[in-house]
Protein backbone atom coordinates (compact mmCIF):
# COMPACT_ATOMS: atom_id res chain seq x y z
CA MET A 1 -61.76 203.98 -135.90
CA ASN A 2 -63.26 204.42 -139.38
CA ASP A 3 -61.15 205.00 -142.45
CA HIS A 4 -64.08 205.71 -144.71
CA LEU A 5 -62.74 206.81 -148.08
CA LEU A 6 -59.48 205.45 -149.35
CA SER A 7 -59.82 207.21 -152.70
CA GLY A 8 -60.56 210.64 -151.23
CA GLY A 9 -64.15 211.01 -152.42
CA PRO A 10 -67.38 209.10 -153.02
CA VAL A 11 -66.94 207.85 -156.60
CA PRO A 12 -68.32 204.64 -158.16
CA ALA A 13 -65.93 201.83 -157.32
CA ILE A 14 -64.15 199.81 -160.00
CA VAL A 15 -63.12 196.21 -159.33
CA GLY A 16 -60.45 194.75 -161.60
CA VAL A 17 -60.21 191.02 -162.25
CA PRO A 18 -56.81 190.04 -163.72
CA CYS A 19 -55.77 186.72 -165.19
CA GLU A 20 -54.38 184.33 -162.61
CA THR A 21 -50.63 183.77 -162.95
CA PHE A 22 -50.09 180.94 -160.45
CA PRO A 23 -49.10 177.75 -162.37
CA ASP A 24 -52.13 175.70 -163.43
CA GLU A 25 -54.58 178.01 -161.64
CA ARG A 26 -57.78 177.88 -163.72
CA ARG A 27 -60.20 179.68 -161.43
CA VAL A 28 -61.32 183.29 -161.84
CA ALA A 29 -62.27 185.65 -159.01
CA ILE A 30 -65.51 187.01 -160.51
CA VAL A 31 -67.81 185.14 -162.92
CA PRO A 32 -70.14 186.87 -165.41
CA ARG A 33 -73.36 186.31 -163.47
CA HIS A 34 -72.06 188.41 -160.57
CA CYS A 35 -71.12 191.40 -162.74
CA GLU A 36 -74.77 192.46 -162.90
CA LEU A 37 -75.19 192.00 -159.15
CA LEU A 38 -72.13 194.15 -158.46
CA HIS A 39 -73.35 196.79 -160.92
CA LYS A 40 -76.52 197.14 -158.86
CA SER A 41 -74.28 197.90 -155.87
CA GLN A 42 -72.50 200.62 -157.90
CA ILE A 43 -69.44 198.51 -158.58
CA GLU A 44 -68.12 198.38 -162.13
CA VAL A 45 -66.22 195.26 -163.23
CA VAL A 46 -63.15 195.51 -165.45
CA ILE A 47 -61.69 192.16 -166.48
CA GLU A 48 -58.46 191.27 -168.21
CA HIS A 49 -58.82 189.66 -171.62
CA SER A 50 -59.32 185.86 -171.31
CA ALA A 51 -59.24 185.89 -167.48
CA GLY A 52 -62.32 183.67 -167.28
CA SER A 53 -61.58 181.40 -170.23
CA PRO A 54 -59.72 178.63 -168.32
CA ALA A 55 -62.76 178.27 -166.04
CA GLY A 56 -65.22 178.17 -168.94
CA PHE A 57 -66.27 181.84 -169.00
CA PRO A 58 -65.37 183.51 -172.33
CA ASP A 59 -64.88 187.26 -172.70
CA GLU A 60 -68.18 187.75 -174.50
CA SER A 61 -70.09 186.36 -171.51
CA TYR A 62 -68.58 189.14 -169.34
CA VAL A 63 -69.35 191.86 -171.88
CA ALA A 64 -72.95 190.61 -172.09
CA ARG A 65 -73.25 191.12 -168.32
CA GLY A 66 -71.87 194.66 -168.40
CA ALA A 67 -68.18 194.12 -167.68
CA ARG A 68 -65.44 195.99 -169.53
CA LEU A 69 -62.36 194.28 -171.01
CA ALA A 70 -58.86 195.70 -170.51
CA SER A 71 -55.18 194.82 -170.55
CA ARG A 72 -53.50 193.96 -167.26
CA ALA A 73 -51.77 197.34 -167.02
CA GLU A 74 -55.00 199.22 -167.84
CA LEU A 75 -56.90 197.16 -165.28
CA PHE A 76 -54.50 197.89 -162.42
CA ALA A 77 -54.39 201.57 -163.34
CA ALA A 78 -58.19 201.92 -163.35
CA ALA A 79 -59.25 199.66 -160.47
CA ASP A 80 -59.97 200.75 -156.91
CA ILE A 81 -60.12 197.06 -155.95
CA ILE A 82 -58.19 194.13 -157.41
CA ALA A 83 -59.99 190.80 -156.97
CA GLN A 84 -57.77 187.77 -157.47
CA VAL A 85 -58.05 184.11 -156.61
CA ARG A 86 -54.43 184.25 -155.44
CA HIS A 87 -52.69 187.51 -154.70
CA LEU A 88 -49.00 187.75 -153.87
CA GLY A 89 -49.00 185.75 -150.63
CA ALA A 90 -50.49 182.72 -152.36
CA ASN A 91 -48.56 183.35 -155.57
CA PRO A 92 -45.08 184.29 -154.30
CA ASP A 93 -43.16 183.91 -157.55
CA ALA A 94 -45.30 185.11 -160.46
CA GLY A 95 -47.26 187.46 -158.20
CA ARG A 96 -44.26 189.74 -157.66
CA SER A 97 -44.58 191.12 -161.17
CA ASP A 98 -47.82 192.84 -160.10
CA LEU A 99 -46.20 194.84 -157.31
CA LYS A 100 -45.05 197.56 -159.71
CA LEU A 101 -48.64 197.93 -160.96
CA MET A 102 -50.12 198.57 -157.51
CA ARG A 103 -50.58 201.99 -155.95
CA PRO A 104 -51.20 203.36 -152.45
CA GLY A 105 -54.84 203.21 -151.40
CA GLN A 106 -55.72 200.40 -153.78
CA VAL A 107 -57.50 197.41 -152.25
CA LEU A 108 -56.49 193.80 -152.88
CA VAL A 109 -58.87 190.90 -152.19
CA GLY A 110 -58.10 187.19 -152.54
CA PHE A 111 -56.36 184.21 -150.97
CA GLY A 112 -53.01 185.35 -149.57
CA GLU A 113 -51.60 182.66 -147.20
CA PRO A 114 -51.21 185.40 -144.56
CA LEU A 115 -49.95 183.16 -141.73
CA THR A 116 -47.07 181.73 -143.76
CA ALA A 117 -46.26 184.32 -146.46
CA ILE A 118 -44.71 186.87 -144.11
CA ASN A 119 -42.24 188.36 -146.58
CA GLU A 120 -45.00 188.78 -149.13
CA ALA A 121 -47.12 190.64 -146.58
CA VAL A 122 -44.24 193.06 -146.04
CA ALA A 123 -43.85 193.53 -149.80
CA LEU A 124 -47.55 194.34 -150.14
CA SER A 125 -47.43 196.80 -147.26
CA GLU A 126 -44.60 198.66 -148.97
CA THR A 127 -46.83 199.34 -151.99
CA GLY A 128 -49.41 201.04 -149.77
CA VAL A 129 -52.24 198.69 -150.73
CA SER A 130 -54.89 197.49 -148.32
CA ALA A 131 -54.65 193.71 -148.72
CA PHE A 132 -57.40 191.37 -147.52
CA ALA A 133 -56.86 187.61 -147.10
CA LEU A 134 -59.94 185.45 -147.52
CA GLU A 135 -58.38 182.74 -145.32
CA LEU A 136 -58.88 184.99 -142.29
CA MET A 137 -62.64 185.32 -142.72
CA PRO A 138 -64.18 184.97 -139.23
CA ARG A 139 -66.59 182.08 -138.81
CA ILE A 140 -69.57 184.12 -137.72
CA THR A 141 -73.10 183.99 -139.06
CA ARG A 142 -72.84 187.31 -140.87
CA ALA A 143 -69.75 186.14 -142.76
CA GLN A 144 -71.10 182.80 -143.98
CA SER A 145 -71.79 184.13 -147.49
CA MET A 146 -68.12 185.24 -147.68
CA ASP A 147 -66.52 182.04 -146.38
CA ALA A 148 -64.34 181.16 -149.35
CA LEU A 149 -62.32 178.56 -147.44
CA SER A 150 -65.44 176.48 -146.83
CA SER A 151 -66.53 176.85 -150.45
CA MET A 152 -63.19 175.58 -151.74
CA ALA A 153 -63.06 172.82 -149.12
CA THR A 154 -66.38 171.56 -150.47
CA ILE A 155 -64.82 171.24 -153.93
CA SER A 156 -61.70 169.58 -152.51
CA GLY A 157 -63.65 166.94 -150.60
CA TYR A 158 -65.75 166.06 -153.62
CA ARG A 159 -62.73 165.86 -155.92
CA ALA A 160 -60.74 163.76 -153.44
CA ALA A 161 -63.42 161.07 -153.38
CA LEU A 162 -63.45 160.96 -157.19
CA LEU A 163 -59.65 160.64 -157.28
CA ALA A 164 -59.84 157.74 -154.85
CA ALA A 165 -62.51 156.00 -156.92
CA THR A 166 -60.47 156.46 -160.09
CA HIS A 167 -57.27 154.99 -158.65
CA LEU A 168 -58.77 152.15 -156.59
CA PRO A 169 -58.64 148.82 -158.48
CA LYS A 170 -62.12 148.08 -157.16
CA MET A 171 -65.57 149.58 -157.63
CA PHE A 172 -67.07 151.54 -154.76
CA PRO A 173 -70.65 150.15 -154.69
CA MET A 174 -71.95 146.71 -153.79
CA LEU A 175 -73.27 145.04 -156.94
CA MET A 176 -75.40 141.93 -157.31
CA THR A 177 -74.44 140.43 -160.67
CA ALA A 178 -74.76 137.15 -162.54
CA ALA A 179 -71.06 136.72 -161.85
CA GLY A 180 -71.62 137.01 -158.13
CA THR A 181 -71.81 139.72 -155.50
CA ILE A 182 -69.26 142.50 -155.46
CA THR A 183 -68.69 143.79 -151.95
CA PRO A 184 -68.56 147.55 -151.41
CA ALA A 185 -65.29 149.39 -150.89
CA LYS A 186 -64.45 150.61 -147.41
CA ALA A 187 -63.50 154.29 -147.18
CA PHE A 188 -62.13 156.09 -144.16
CA VAL A 189 -62.02 159.90 -143.89
CA LEU A 190 -59.60 161.52 -141.47
CA GLY A 191 -60.89 164.94 -140.48
CA ALA A 192 -64.56 165.90 -140.57
CA GLY A 193 -64.42 169.55 -141.45
CA VAL A 194 -66.10 170.88 -144.59
CA ALA A 195 -63.77 168.94 -146.92
CA GLY A 196 -64.09 165.76 -144.90
CA LEU A 197 -67.88 165.87 -144.74
CA GLN A 198 -68.07 166.42 -148.50
CA ALA A 199 -65.65 163.54 -149.08
CA ILE A 200 -67.87 161.34 -146.89
CA SER A 201 -71.00 162.37 -148.77
CA THR A 202 -69.44 161.80 -152.18
CA ALA A 203 -67.94 158.42 -151.26
CA ARG A 204 -71.33 157.39 -149.88
CA ARG A 205 -73.09 158.46 -153.09
CA LEU A 206 -70.58 156.36 -155.03
CA GLY A 207 -71.57 153.38 -152.90
CA ALA A 208 -68.71 152.94 -150.44
CA VAL A 209 -69.13 151.99 -146.79
CA VAL A 210 -67.70 155.03 -145.06
CA SER A 211 -66.30 155.67 -141.60
CA ALA A 212 -64.62 158.80 -140.31
CA TYR A 213 -62.58 160.17 -137.45
CA ASP A 214 -62.01 163.69 -136.20
CA VAL A 215 -60.00 164.94 -133.26
CA ARG A 216 -63.06 166.99 -132.27
CA PRO A 217 -65.63 164.58 -130.76
CA ALA A 218 -68.34 167.21 -131.18
CA VAL A 219 -68.53 166.48 -134.93
CA LYS A 220 -69.73 162.89 -134.39
CA GLU A 221 -73.32 163.94 -135.05
CA GLN A 222 -72.35 165.66 -138.31
CA VAL A 223 -70.46 162.57 -139.50
CA GLU A 224 -73.42 160.33 -138.76
CA SER A 225 -75.83 162.77 -140.42
CA VAL A 226 -74.11 162.23 -143.80
CA GLY A 227 -74.21 158.46 -143.46
CA ALA A 228 -70.81 157.51 -142.05
CA LYS A 229 -69.82 155.65 -138.92
CA PHE A 230 -67.84 157.77 -136.46
CA VAL A 231 -64.71 156.00 -135.25
CA SER A 232 -63.87 156.77 -131.64
CA LEU A 233 -60.25 156.62 -130.56
CA GLU A 234 -59.34 156.59 -126.88
CA VAL A 235 -57.35 159.82 -126.83
CA ASP A 236 -57.88 162.95 -124.76
CA SER A 237 -59.28 165.44 -127.30
CA ALA A 238 -61.01 167.88 -124.97
CA ALA A 239 -58.81 170.81 -126.06
CA SER A 240 -58.73 169.95 -129.76
CA GLU A 241 -61.00 172.69 -131.09
CA GLY A 242 -59.68 176.22 -131.43
CA LYS A 243 -61.21 179.61 -132.22
CA GLY A 244 -63.83 179.60 -134.98
CA GLY A 245 -64.32 175.83 -134.98
CA TYR A 246 -60.95 175.05 -136.58
CA ALA A 247 -58.89 172.11 -135.37
CA LYS A 248 -56.15 173.14 -132.98
CA ALA A 249 -52.56 171.88 -132.98
CA MET A 250 -51.93 169.28 -130.27
CA ASP A 251 -48.70 168.06 -128.69
CA GLU A 252 -46.62 165.17 -130.04
CA ALA A 253 -47.72 162.74 -127.30
CA PHE A 254 -51.33 163.19 -128.45
CA TYR A 255 -50.45 162.54 -132.11
CA ARG A 256 -48.30 159.51 -131.19
CA ARG A 257 -51.19 157.86 -129.33
CA GLN A 258 -53.56 158.80 -132.13
CA ARG A 259 -51.29 157.17 -134.72
CA GLU A 260 -51.09 153.94 -132.71
CA LEU A 261 -54.88 153.61 -132.69
CA LEU A 262 -55.27 154.68 -136.32
CA GLY A 263 -52.89 151.96 -137.47
CA GLU A 264 -55.44 149.34 -136.42
CA VAL A 265 -58.25 151.09 -138.31
CA LEU A 266 -56.22 151.48 -141.52
CA ARG A 267 -55.69 147.74 -141.87
CA GLU A 268 -59.34 147.37 -142.90
CA GLN A 269 -59.62 150.26 -145.40
CA ASP A 270 -59.57 150.31 -149.19
CA VAL A 271 -59.56 154.12 -149.33
CA VAL A 272 -58.27 156.71 -146.89
CA ILE A 273 -58.89 160.43 -147.44
CA THR A 274 -56.98 162.72 -145.10
CA THR A 275 -58.04 166.33 -144.55
CA ALA A 276 -56.47 167.36 -141.23
CA ALA A 277 -54.97 170.84 -141.34
CA VAL A 278 -54.31 173.61 -138.82
CA PRO A 279 -54.34 177.16 -140.25
CA GLY A 280 -50.83 178.56 -140.61
CA ARG A 281 -49.15 175.33 -139.47
CA LYS A 282 -47.62 172.30 -141.14
CA ALA A 283 -50.16 169.51 -141.40
CA PRO A 284 -49.83 166.90 -138.61
CA ILE A 285 -48.48 163.48 -139.60
CA LEU A 286 -51.29 161.02 -138.88
CA ILE A 287 -50.21 158.12 -141.12
CA THR A 288 -46.59 157.11 -140.63
CA ALA A 289 -44.44 155.15 -143.07
CA ASP A 290 -44.62 152.02 -140.91
CA MET A 291 -48.44 152.00 -141.10
CA ILE A 292 -48.44 151.65 -144.89
CA PRO A 293 -47.34 147.98 -145.16
CA GLY A 294 -50.29 147.01 -142.94
CA MET A 295 -52.85 148.44 -145.37
CA PRO A 296 -54.52 146.21 -148.00
CA HIS A 297 -52.58 145.82 -151.25
CA GLY A 298 -54.12 148.12 -153.88
CA SER A 299 -55.58 150.55 -151.35
CA VAL A 300 -55.47 154.30 -151.97
CA ILE A 301 -54.65 157.31 -149.81
CA VAL A 302 -55.72 160.76 -151.03
CA ASP A 303 -53.96 163.36 -148.91
CA ILE A 304 -55.88 166.65 -149.21
CA ALA A 305 -53.42 168.19 -146.75
CA ALA A 306 -50.54 167.71 -149.23
CA GLU A 307 -50.25 171.47 -149.77
CA ARG A 308 -49.22 171.81 -146.12
CA GLY A 309 -46.84 168.87 -146.17
CA GLY A 310 -49.43 166.12 -145.91
CA ASN A 311 -50.99 163.96 -143.20
CA CYS A 312 -49.17 160.89 -144.53
CA GLU A 313 -45.44 160.65 -143.96
CA LEU A 314 -44.88 159.27 -147.48
CA THR A 315 -46.95 161.89 -149.31
CA ARG A 316 -45.09 163.78 -152.00
CA PRO A 317 -46.97 167.01 -152.69
CA GLY A 318 -48.06 167.19 -156.32
CA GLU A 319 -47.18 163.54 -157.03
CA THR A 320 -48.74 160.08 -157.00
CA VAL A 321 -46.52 157.35 -155.60
CA VAL A 322 -46.91 153.65 -154.81
CA GLU A 323 -45.41 152.30 -151.60
CA HIS A 324 -45.86 148.68 -150.47
CA GLY A 325 -48.72 148.33 -152.94
CA VAL A 326 -50.54 151.41 -151.60
CA THR A 327 -51.17 154.34 -153.95
CA ILE A 328 -50.55 157.67 -152.19
CA ILE A 329 -51.88 160.76 -153.96
CA GLY A 330 -50.71 164.23 -152.90
CA PRO A 331 -52.94 166.58 -154.93
CA LEU A 332 -52.33 170.33 -155.06
CA ASN A 333 -55.00 172.96 -155.66
CA LEU A 334 -57.92 170.56 -156.01
CA PRO A 335 -60.52 173.33 -156.58
CA SER A 336 -58.69 174.36 -159.75
CA ALA A 337 -59.46 170.92 -161.19
CA ILE A 338 -63.17 171.86 -161.21
CA PRO A 339 -62.74 175.52 -162.17
CA TYR A 340 -66.26 176.31 -163.38
CA HIS A 341 -68.11 175.63 -160.16
CA ALA A 342 -65.13 176.53 -157.96
CA SER A 343 -65.08 179.96 -159.62
CA GLN A 344 -68.85 180.28 -159.30
CA MET A 345 -68.72 179.64 -155.57
CA LEU A 346 -65.64 181.79 -154.98
CA SER A 347 -67.16 184.63 -156.99
CA ALA A 348 -70.24 184.56 -154.78
CA ASN A 349 -68.03 184.83 -151.68
CA ILE A 350 -65.91 187.65 -153.10
CA SER A 351 -68.94 189.54 -154.42
CA ALA A 352 -70.55 189.45 -150.98
CA PHE A 353 -67.33 190.80 -149.47
CA LEU A 354 -67.08 193.55 -152.09
CA ARG A 355 -70.61 194.70 -151.29
CA LEU A 356 -69.48 195.07 -147.68
CA LEU A 357 -66.46 197.13 -148.73
CA VAL A 358 -68.40 199.39 -151.11
CA GLN A 359 -71.28 201.37 -149.67
CA GLY A 360 -73.25 203.59 -152.06
CA GLY A 361 -70.48 203.42 -154.64
CA ALA A 362 -67.86 204.59 -152.13
CA LEU A 363 -65.00 202.31 -151.14
CA SER A 364 -64.50 202.13 -147.39
CA VAL A 365 -62.41 200.21 -144.91
CA ASN A 366 -64.48 200.30 -141.74
CA LEU A 367 -62.24 198.93 -139.01
CA ASP A 368 -65.18 198.78 -136.60
CA ASP A 369 -66.57 195.93 -138.70
CA GLU A 370 -65.29 192.57 -137.44
CA ILE A 371 -65.25 191.01 -140.91
CA ILE A 372 -63.16 193.82 -142.39
CA ARG A 373 -60.88 194.08 -139.37
CA GLU A 374 -60.18 190.34 -139.14
CA THR A 375 -59.36 189.88 -142.84
CA LEU A 376 -57.23 193.02 -143.30
CA VAL A 377 -53.52 192.18 -143.49
CA THR A 378 -51.89 195.39 -144.74
CA HIS A 379 -53.15 198.98 -144.58
CA GLY A 380 -51.54 202.42 -144.58
CA SER A 381 -48.15 200.95 -145.60
CA ARG A 382 -48.11 198.67 -142.53
CA VAL A 383 -48.82 195.06 -141.68
CA VAL A 384 -51.81 195.56 -139.41
CA HIS A 385 -53.24 192.13 -138.67
CA PRO A 386 -52.24 191.19 -135.09
CA ARG A 387 -51.44 187.54 -135.80
CA VAL A 388 -49.43 188.36 -138.91
CA SER A 389 -47.61 191.17 -137.08
CA GLU A 390 -46.72 188.77 -134.28
CA LEU A 391 -45.32 186.25 -136.75
CA LEU A 392 -43.42 189.03 -138.47
CA GLU A 393 -41.76 190.02 -135.21
CA LYS A 394 -40.73 186.43 -134.52
CA GLU A 395 -39.58 185.40 -137.99
CA VAL A 396 -38.26 188.61 -139.52
CA GLY A 397 -37.36 190.51 -136.38
CA VAL A 398 -39.28 193.63 -137.37
């Protein structure tokens, strides 16, 4: 099935980039350098006044690259496509004020938490917009340039290592000084996905001795390639990798055995960075409260999975706490802490996706294309993504 022209005719497409309204969100969906690239693909960029300023991109830099400035209401009225870092699903409170500005046939592109924000998906469908969630991007070769989750995970892993280094009452590298030799810090990374591998690389560059563990034994080679020792735990992990290379949820017996073995490893670590997350699910508890007293006094845990509840039982999302002498950091929205480069990377992903949606200046939703089909959540006033529809039936009873 091909639904080729949402707007009824082949006209040059307009993408609108509004200011982000999620608290403390500093990223912007499109940066100035990509306005020219989109223009070559017959896509005009309209941006809300000051939308790029929190990320370090002033209005004049957009105008210099051919973008047009507008108010929020003007932008929504003119745009065929709305590109946001966080649309309603990932911005459930402030994002609702945009619903009245949307119109049937308009396209929405951004992060949308589609597997958890079920009510928001319904609200979007009722406006008649075609909403795409970047989290659902299939991990296929053709979609690599659009993989926004991996881009943001890179930022998160880097930032997590810096947070650990800042809070640890030790230096990371080994130093030979007149006052004696300073031994290097020991860092342990739980989860060797994109965020974990970047955390390993950054901790290594800072001088720490790094080890890592992942439920998927196949990533051992990747861990070793960035200079860390792979820690093997004697657990049955044969079924731990799901579709697209993402970690798969395991049963409680598996996690219980895993926690027993991890407790022994944690006793030797100065820094622990946890990154284990399963899409659409609460993060698994890997570090229990009774493991914390066994860790060295002054050690630091940075729980990247805090936004999904955390991998540490004592993590408080959005807070830094000290328990039994161990500092536990539960950061939220790490990419927003480095908004310039996070926006640059996200803009590249979104721009690549927009060039797929717009062909010859005409906006199209080609449902024969796997990338478009797999990321489309709402279309034609319905929730159309199979996984989201299934969750909707279970949780809302629709």
